[in-house]
């Protein structure tokens, strides 16, 4: 009889534990390349969006949720209002 080596248990991985990168888009703007080249630290780029408008939350280019910006102390957060999964 040959002795079998002890088997090590394969850990069970829940697919729902996989990390997902989320992107929150605050706005988009188009500027000429010359404006971009002249950009200096401290300058403000105005985004054509009201601060109370919902933001889109996407993953891998697909919108997965929408939410409202909230201030948490000195940090910015998003309160999820709709989920599109």
N, C-alpha and C. Protein backbone atom coordinates (compact mmCIF):
# COMPACT_ATOMS: atom_id res chain seq x y z
N UNK A 1 0.83 -1.16 0.00
CA UNK A 1 0.00 0.00 0.00
C UNK A 1 0.88 1.24 0.00
N UNK A 2 0.56 2.15 -0.89
CA UNK A 2 1.32 3.40 -0.89
C UNK A 2 0.51 4.44 -0.13
N UNK A 3 1.23 5.19 0.64
CA UNK A 3 0.55 6.21 1.44
C UNK A 3 0.35 7.46 0.60
N UNK A 4 -0.87 7.95 0.59
CA UNK A 4 -1.17 9.18 -0.14
C UNK A 4 -0.75 10.38 0.70
N UNK A 5 -0.17 11.39 0.04
CA UNK A 5 0.18 12.59 0.82
C UNK A 5 -1.09 13.28 1.30
N UNK A 6 -1.03 13.92 2.45
CA UNK A 6 -2.23 14.59 2.95
C UNK A 6 -2.66 15.70 2.00
N UNK A 7 -3.97 15.81 1.81
CA UNK A 7 -4.51 16.84 0.93
C UNK A 7 -4.72 18.12 1.73
N UNK A 8 -4.38 19.23 1.08
CA UNK A 8 -4.65 20.51 1.73
C UNK A 8 -6.00 21.00 1.23
N UNK A 9 -6.77 21.53 2.10
CA UNK A 9 -8.10 22.01 1.74
C UNK A 9 -7.98 23.26 0.88
N UNK A 10 -8.73 23.27 -0.21
CA UNK A 10 -8.77 24.45 -1.08
C UNK A 10 -9.76 25.44 -0.47
N UNK A 11 -9.29 26.66 -0.24
CA UNK A 11 -10.22 27.62 0.37
C UNK A 11 -11.38 27.93 -0.57
N UNK A 12 -12.54 28.06 0.00
CA UNK A 12 -13.73 28.40 -0.78
C UNK A 12 -13.75 29.92 -0.92
N UNK A 13 -13.83 30.38 -2.17
CA UNK A 13 -13.84 31.82 -2.43
C UNK A 13 -15.22 32.20 -2.95
N UNK A 14 -15.85 33.11 -2.26
CA UNK A 14 -17.16 33.60 -2.67
C UNK A 14 -16.97 34.64 -3.75
N UNK A 15 -17.57 34.47 -4.95
CA UNK A 15 -17.40 35.45 -6.02
C UNK A 15 -17.86 36.85 -5.62
N UNK A 16 -18.76 36.94 -4.67
CA UNK A 16 -19.23 38.25 -4.23
C UNK A 16 -18.19 39.00 -3.40
N UNK A 17 -17.09 38.31 -3.03
CA UNK A 17 -16.00 38.95 -2.30
C UNK A 17 -14.94 39.53 -3.23
N UNK A 18 -15.12 39.37 -4.55
CA UNK A 18 -14.14 39.89 -5.50
C UNK A 18 -14.14 41.42 -5.46
N UNK A 19 -12.95 42.03 -5.43
CA UNK A 19 -12.90 43.49 -5.39
C UNK A 19 -13.37 44.11 -6.71
N UNK A 20 -14.09 45.22 -6.61
CA UNK A 20 -14.61 45.93 -7.78
C UNK A 20 -14.23 47.40 -7.62
N UNK A 21 -13.69 47.99 -8.67
CA UNK A 21 -13.35 49.40 -8.64
C UNK A 21 -14.54 50.23 -9.10
N UNK A 22 -14.94 51.18 -8.28
CA UNK A 22 -16.04 52.07 -8.61
C UNK A 22 -15.48 53.45 -8.96
N UNK A 23 -16.10 54.10 -9.93
CA UNK A 23 -15.72 55.44 -10.34
C UNK A 23 -16.93 56.35 -10.14
N UNK A 24 -16.71 57.49 -9.50
CA UNK A 24 -17.76 58.48 -9.31
C UNK A 24 -17.40 59.67 -10.19
N UNK A 25 -18.27 59.97 -11.13
CA UNK A 25 -17.99 61.06 -12.06
C UNK A 25 -18.68 62.32 -11.58
N UNK A 26 -17.87 63.34 -11.31
CA UNK A 26 -18.40 64.62 -10.85
C UNK A 26 -18.79 65.50 -12.01
N UNK A 27 -18.18 65.29 -13.15
CA UNK A 27 -18.51 66.09 -14.33
C UNK A 27 -17.45 65.93 -15.40
N UNK A 28 -17.74 66.50 -16.55
CA UNK A 28 -16.81 66.48 -17.68
C UNK A 28 -16.78 67.86 -18.29
N UNK A 29 -15.64 68.23 -18.83
CA UNK A 29 -15.57 69.47 -19.55
C UNK A 29 -14.58 69.34 -20.68
N UNK A 30 -14.77 70.15 -21.68
CA UNK A 30 -13.89 70.16 -22.84
C UNK A 30 -13.13 71.48 -22.82
N UNK A 31 -11.82 71.38 -22.90
CA UNK A 31 -10.98 72.57 -22.95
C UNK A 31 -10.02 72.43 -24.13
N UNK A 32 -9.61 73.54 -24.70
CA UNK A 32 -8.61 73.46 -25.77
C UNK A 32 -7.28 72.97 -25.20
N UNK A 33 -6.51 72.32 -26.01
CA UNK A 33 -5.22 71.81 -25.59
C UNK A 33 -4.33 72.94 -25.06
N UNK A 34 -4.45 74.14 -25.66
CA UNK A 34 -3.65 75.28 -25.19
C UNK A 34 -4.01 75.63 -23.73
N UNK A 35 -5.29 75.53 -23.36
CA UNK A 35 -5.72 75.80 -21.98
C UNK A 35 -5.15 74.75 -21.05
N UNK A 36 -5.18 73.51 -21.47
CA UNK A 36 -4.62 72.42 -20.67
C UNK A 36 -3.13 72.62 -20.46
N UNK A 37 -2.43 73.04 -21.51
CA UNK A 37 -0.98 73.26 -21.42
C UNK A 37 -0.65 74.41 -20.48
N UNK A 38 -1.55 75.39 -20.34
CA UNK A 38 -1.32 76.55 -19.48
C UNK A 38 -1.82 76.34 -18.05
N UNK A 39 -2.39 75.19 -17.76
CA UNK A 39 -2.97 74.93 -16.44
C UNK A 39 -1.90 74.99 -15.36
N UNK A 40 -2.22 75.68 -14.26
CA UNK A 40 -1.28 75.84 -13.14
C UNK A 40 -1.94 75.33 -11.86
N UNK A 41 -1.14 74.84 -10.90
CA UNK A 41 -1.71 74.43 -9.61
C UNK A 41 -2.47 75.58 -8.97
N UNK A 42 -3.62 75.29 -8.40
CA UNK A 42 -4.44 76.31 -7.75
C UNK A 42 -5.53 76.87 -8.63
N UNK A 43 -5.42 76.66 -9.94
CA UNK A 43 -6.48 77.14 -10.83
C UNK A 43 -7.73 76.29 -10.64
N UNK A 44 -8.87 76.89 -10.93
CA UNK A 44 -10.15 76.20 -10.79
C UNK A 44 -10.74 75.98 -12.17
N UNK A 45 -11.14 74.74 -12.43
CA UNK A 45 -11.84 74.41 -13.67
C UNK A 45 -13.32 74.29 -13.32
N UNK A 46 -14.13 75.12 -13.95
CA UNK A 46 -15.56 75.09 -13.65
C UNK A 46 -16.23 73.97 -14.43
N UNK A 47 -16.95 73.13 -13.69
CA UNK A 47 -17.68 72.03 -14.30
C UNK A 47 -19.14 72.48 -14.40
N UNK A 48 -19.73 72.29 -15.55
CA UNK A 48 -21.09 72.75 -15.79
C UNK A 48 -22.10 71.80 -15.13
N UNK A 49 -22.09 71.83 -13.79
CA UNK A 49 -22.94 70.91 -13.03
C UNK A 49 -23.22 71.52 -11.67
N UNK A 50 -24.44 71.39 -11.20
CA UNK A 50 -24.81 71.90 -9.89
C UNK A 50 -24.39 70.89 -8.83
N UNK A 51 -23.94 71.36 -7.66
CA UNK A 51 -23.45 70.46 -6.62
C UNK A 51 -24.52 69.53 -6.06
N UNK A 52 -25.80 69.86 -6.26
CA UNK A 52 -26.87 69.01 -5.74
C UNK A 52 -27.38 67.99 -6.77
N UNK A 53 -26.83 68.03 -7.98
CA UNK A 53 -27.23 67.05 -9.00
C UNK A 53 -26.67 65.68 -8.65
N UNK A 54 -27.40 64.63 -8.96
CA UNK A 54 -26.88 63.28 -8.69
C UNK A 54 -25.61 63.00 -9.49
N UNK A 55 -24.75 62.16 -8.91
CA UNK A 55 -23.54 61.72 -9.60
C UNK A 55 -23.74 60.27 -10.03
N UNK A 56 -23.05 59.88 -11.08
CA UNK A 56 -23.12 58.49 -11.56
C UNK A 56 -21.96 57.69 -10.99
N UNK A 57 -22.27 56.48 -10.59
CA UNK A 57 -21.27 55.55 -10.07
C UNK A 57 -21.16 54.44 -11.09
N UNK A 58 -19.94 54.23 -11.61
CA UNK A 58 -19.78 53.21 -12.65
C UNK A 58 -18.68 52.23 -12.28
N UNK A 59 -18.74 51.10 -12.92
CA UNK A 59 -17.72 50.07 -12.78
C UNK A 59 -17.44 49.51 -14.16
N UNK A 60 -16.20 49.59 -14.56
CA UNK A 60 -15.78 49.07 -15.86
C UNK A 60 -16.57 49.73 -17.00
N UNK A 61 -16.86 51.04 -16.85
CA UNK A 61 -17.55 51.77 -17.90
C UNK A 61 -19.06 51.63 -17.89
N UNK A 62 -19.60 50.85 -16.98
CA UNK A 62 -21.05 50.62 -16.92
C UNK A 62 -21.62 51.30 -15.68
N UNK A 63 -22.66 52.11 -15.85
CA UNK A 63 -23.28 52.78 -14.72
C UNK A 63 -23.99 51.73 -13.87
N UNK A 64 -23.62 51.68 -12.59
CA UNK A 64 -24.21 50.69 -11.68
C UNK A 64 -25.07 51.32 -10.61
N UNK A 65 -24.92 52.64 -10.41
CA UNK A 65 -25.71 53.32 -9.39
C UNK A 65 -25.67 54.82 -9.61
N UNK A 66 -26.50 55.51 -8.87
CA UNK A 66 -26.53 56.97 -8.88
C UNK A 66 -26.64 57.41 -7.42
N UNK A 67 -26.08 58.57 -7.11
CA UNK A 67 -26.14 59.03 -5.73
C UNK A 67 -25.95 60.51 -5.59
N UNK A 68 -26.03 60.98 -4.36
CA UNK A 68 -25.86 62.39 -4.03
C UNK A 68 -24.55 62.59 -3.29
N UNK A 69 -23.87 63.68 -3.59
CA UNK A 69 -22.64 64.00 -2.87
C UNK A 69 -22.98 64.42 -1.45
N UNK A 70 -22.18 63.96 -0.50
CA UNK A 70 -22.36 64.34 0.90
C UNK A 70 -20.99 64.68 1.48
N UNK A 71 -20.99 65.58 2.43
CA UNK A 71 -19.77 65.95 3.12
C UNK A 71 -19.72 65.20 4.44
N UNK A 72 -18.63 64.47 4.66
CA UNK A 72 -18.45 63.69 5.89
C UNK A 72 -17.20 64.25 6.56
N UNK A 73 -17.41 65.20 7.47
CA UNK A 73 -16.26 65.91 8.05
C UNK A 73 -15.60 66.72 6.95
N UNK A 74 -14.32 66.42 6.68
CA UNK A 74 -13.59 67.08 5.60
C UNK A 74 -13.55 66.24 4.33
N UNK A 75 -14.19 65.10 4.36
CA UNK A 75 -14.15 64.17 3.23
C UNK A 75 -15.44 64.25 2.42
N UNK A 76 -15.34 63.88 1.16
CA UNK A 76 -16.50 63.84 0.28
C UNK A 76 -16.95 62.39 0.12
N UNK A 77 -18.24 62.16 0.16
CA UNK A 77 -18.79 60.82 0.00
C UNK A 77 -19.97 60.85 -0.94
N UNK A 78 -20.55 59.67 -1.19
CA UNK A 78 -21.71 59.55 -2.06
C UNK A 78 -22.77 58.73 -1.34
N UNK A 79 -23.98 59.29 -1.22
CA UNK A 79 -25.11 58.55 -0.67
C UNK A 79 -25.83 57.92 -1.85
N UNK A 80 -25.86 56.61 -1.91
CA UNK A 80 -26.45 55.90 -3.04
C UNK A 80 -27.97 56.06 -2.99
N UNK A 81 -28.54 56.49 -4.12
CA UNK A 81 -29.99 56.70 -4.19
C UNK A 81 -30.67 55.70 -5.13
N UNK A 82 -29.93 55.19 -6.11
CA UNK A 82 -30.49 54.21 -7.06
C UNK A 82 -29.40 53.22 -7.43
N UNK A 83 -29.79 51.96 -7.60
CA UNK A 83 -28.86 50.92 -8.00
C UNK A 83 -29.41 50.26 -9.25
N UNK A 84 -28.53 50.03 -10.25
CA UNK A 84 -28.94 49.48 -11.54
C UNK A 84 -28.24 48.15 -11.82
N UNK A 85 -28.35 47.19 -10.95
CA UNK A 85 -27.69 45.89 -11.17
C UNK A 85 -28.68 44.88 -11.70
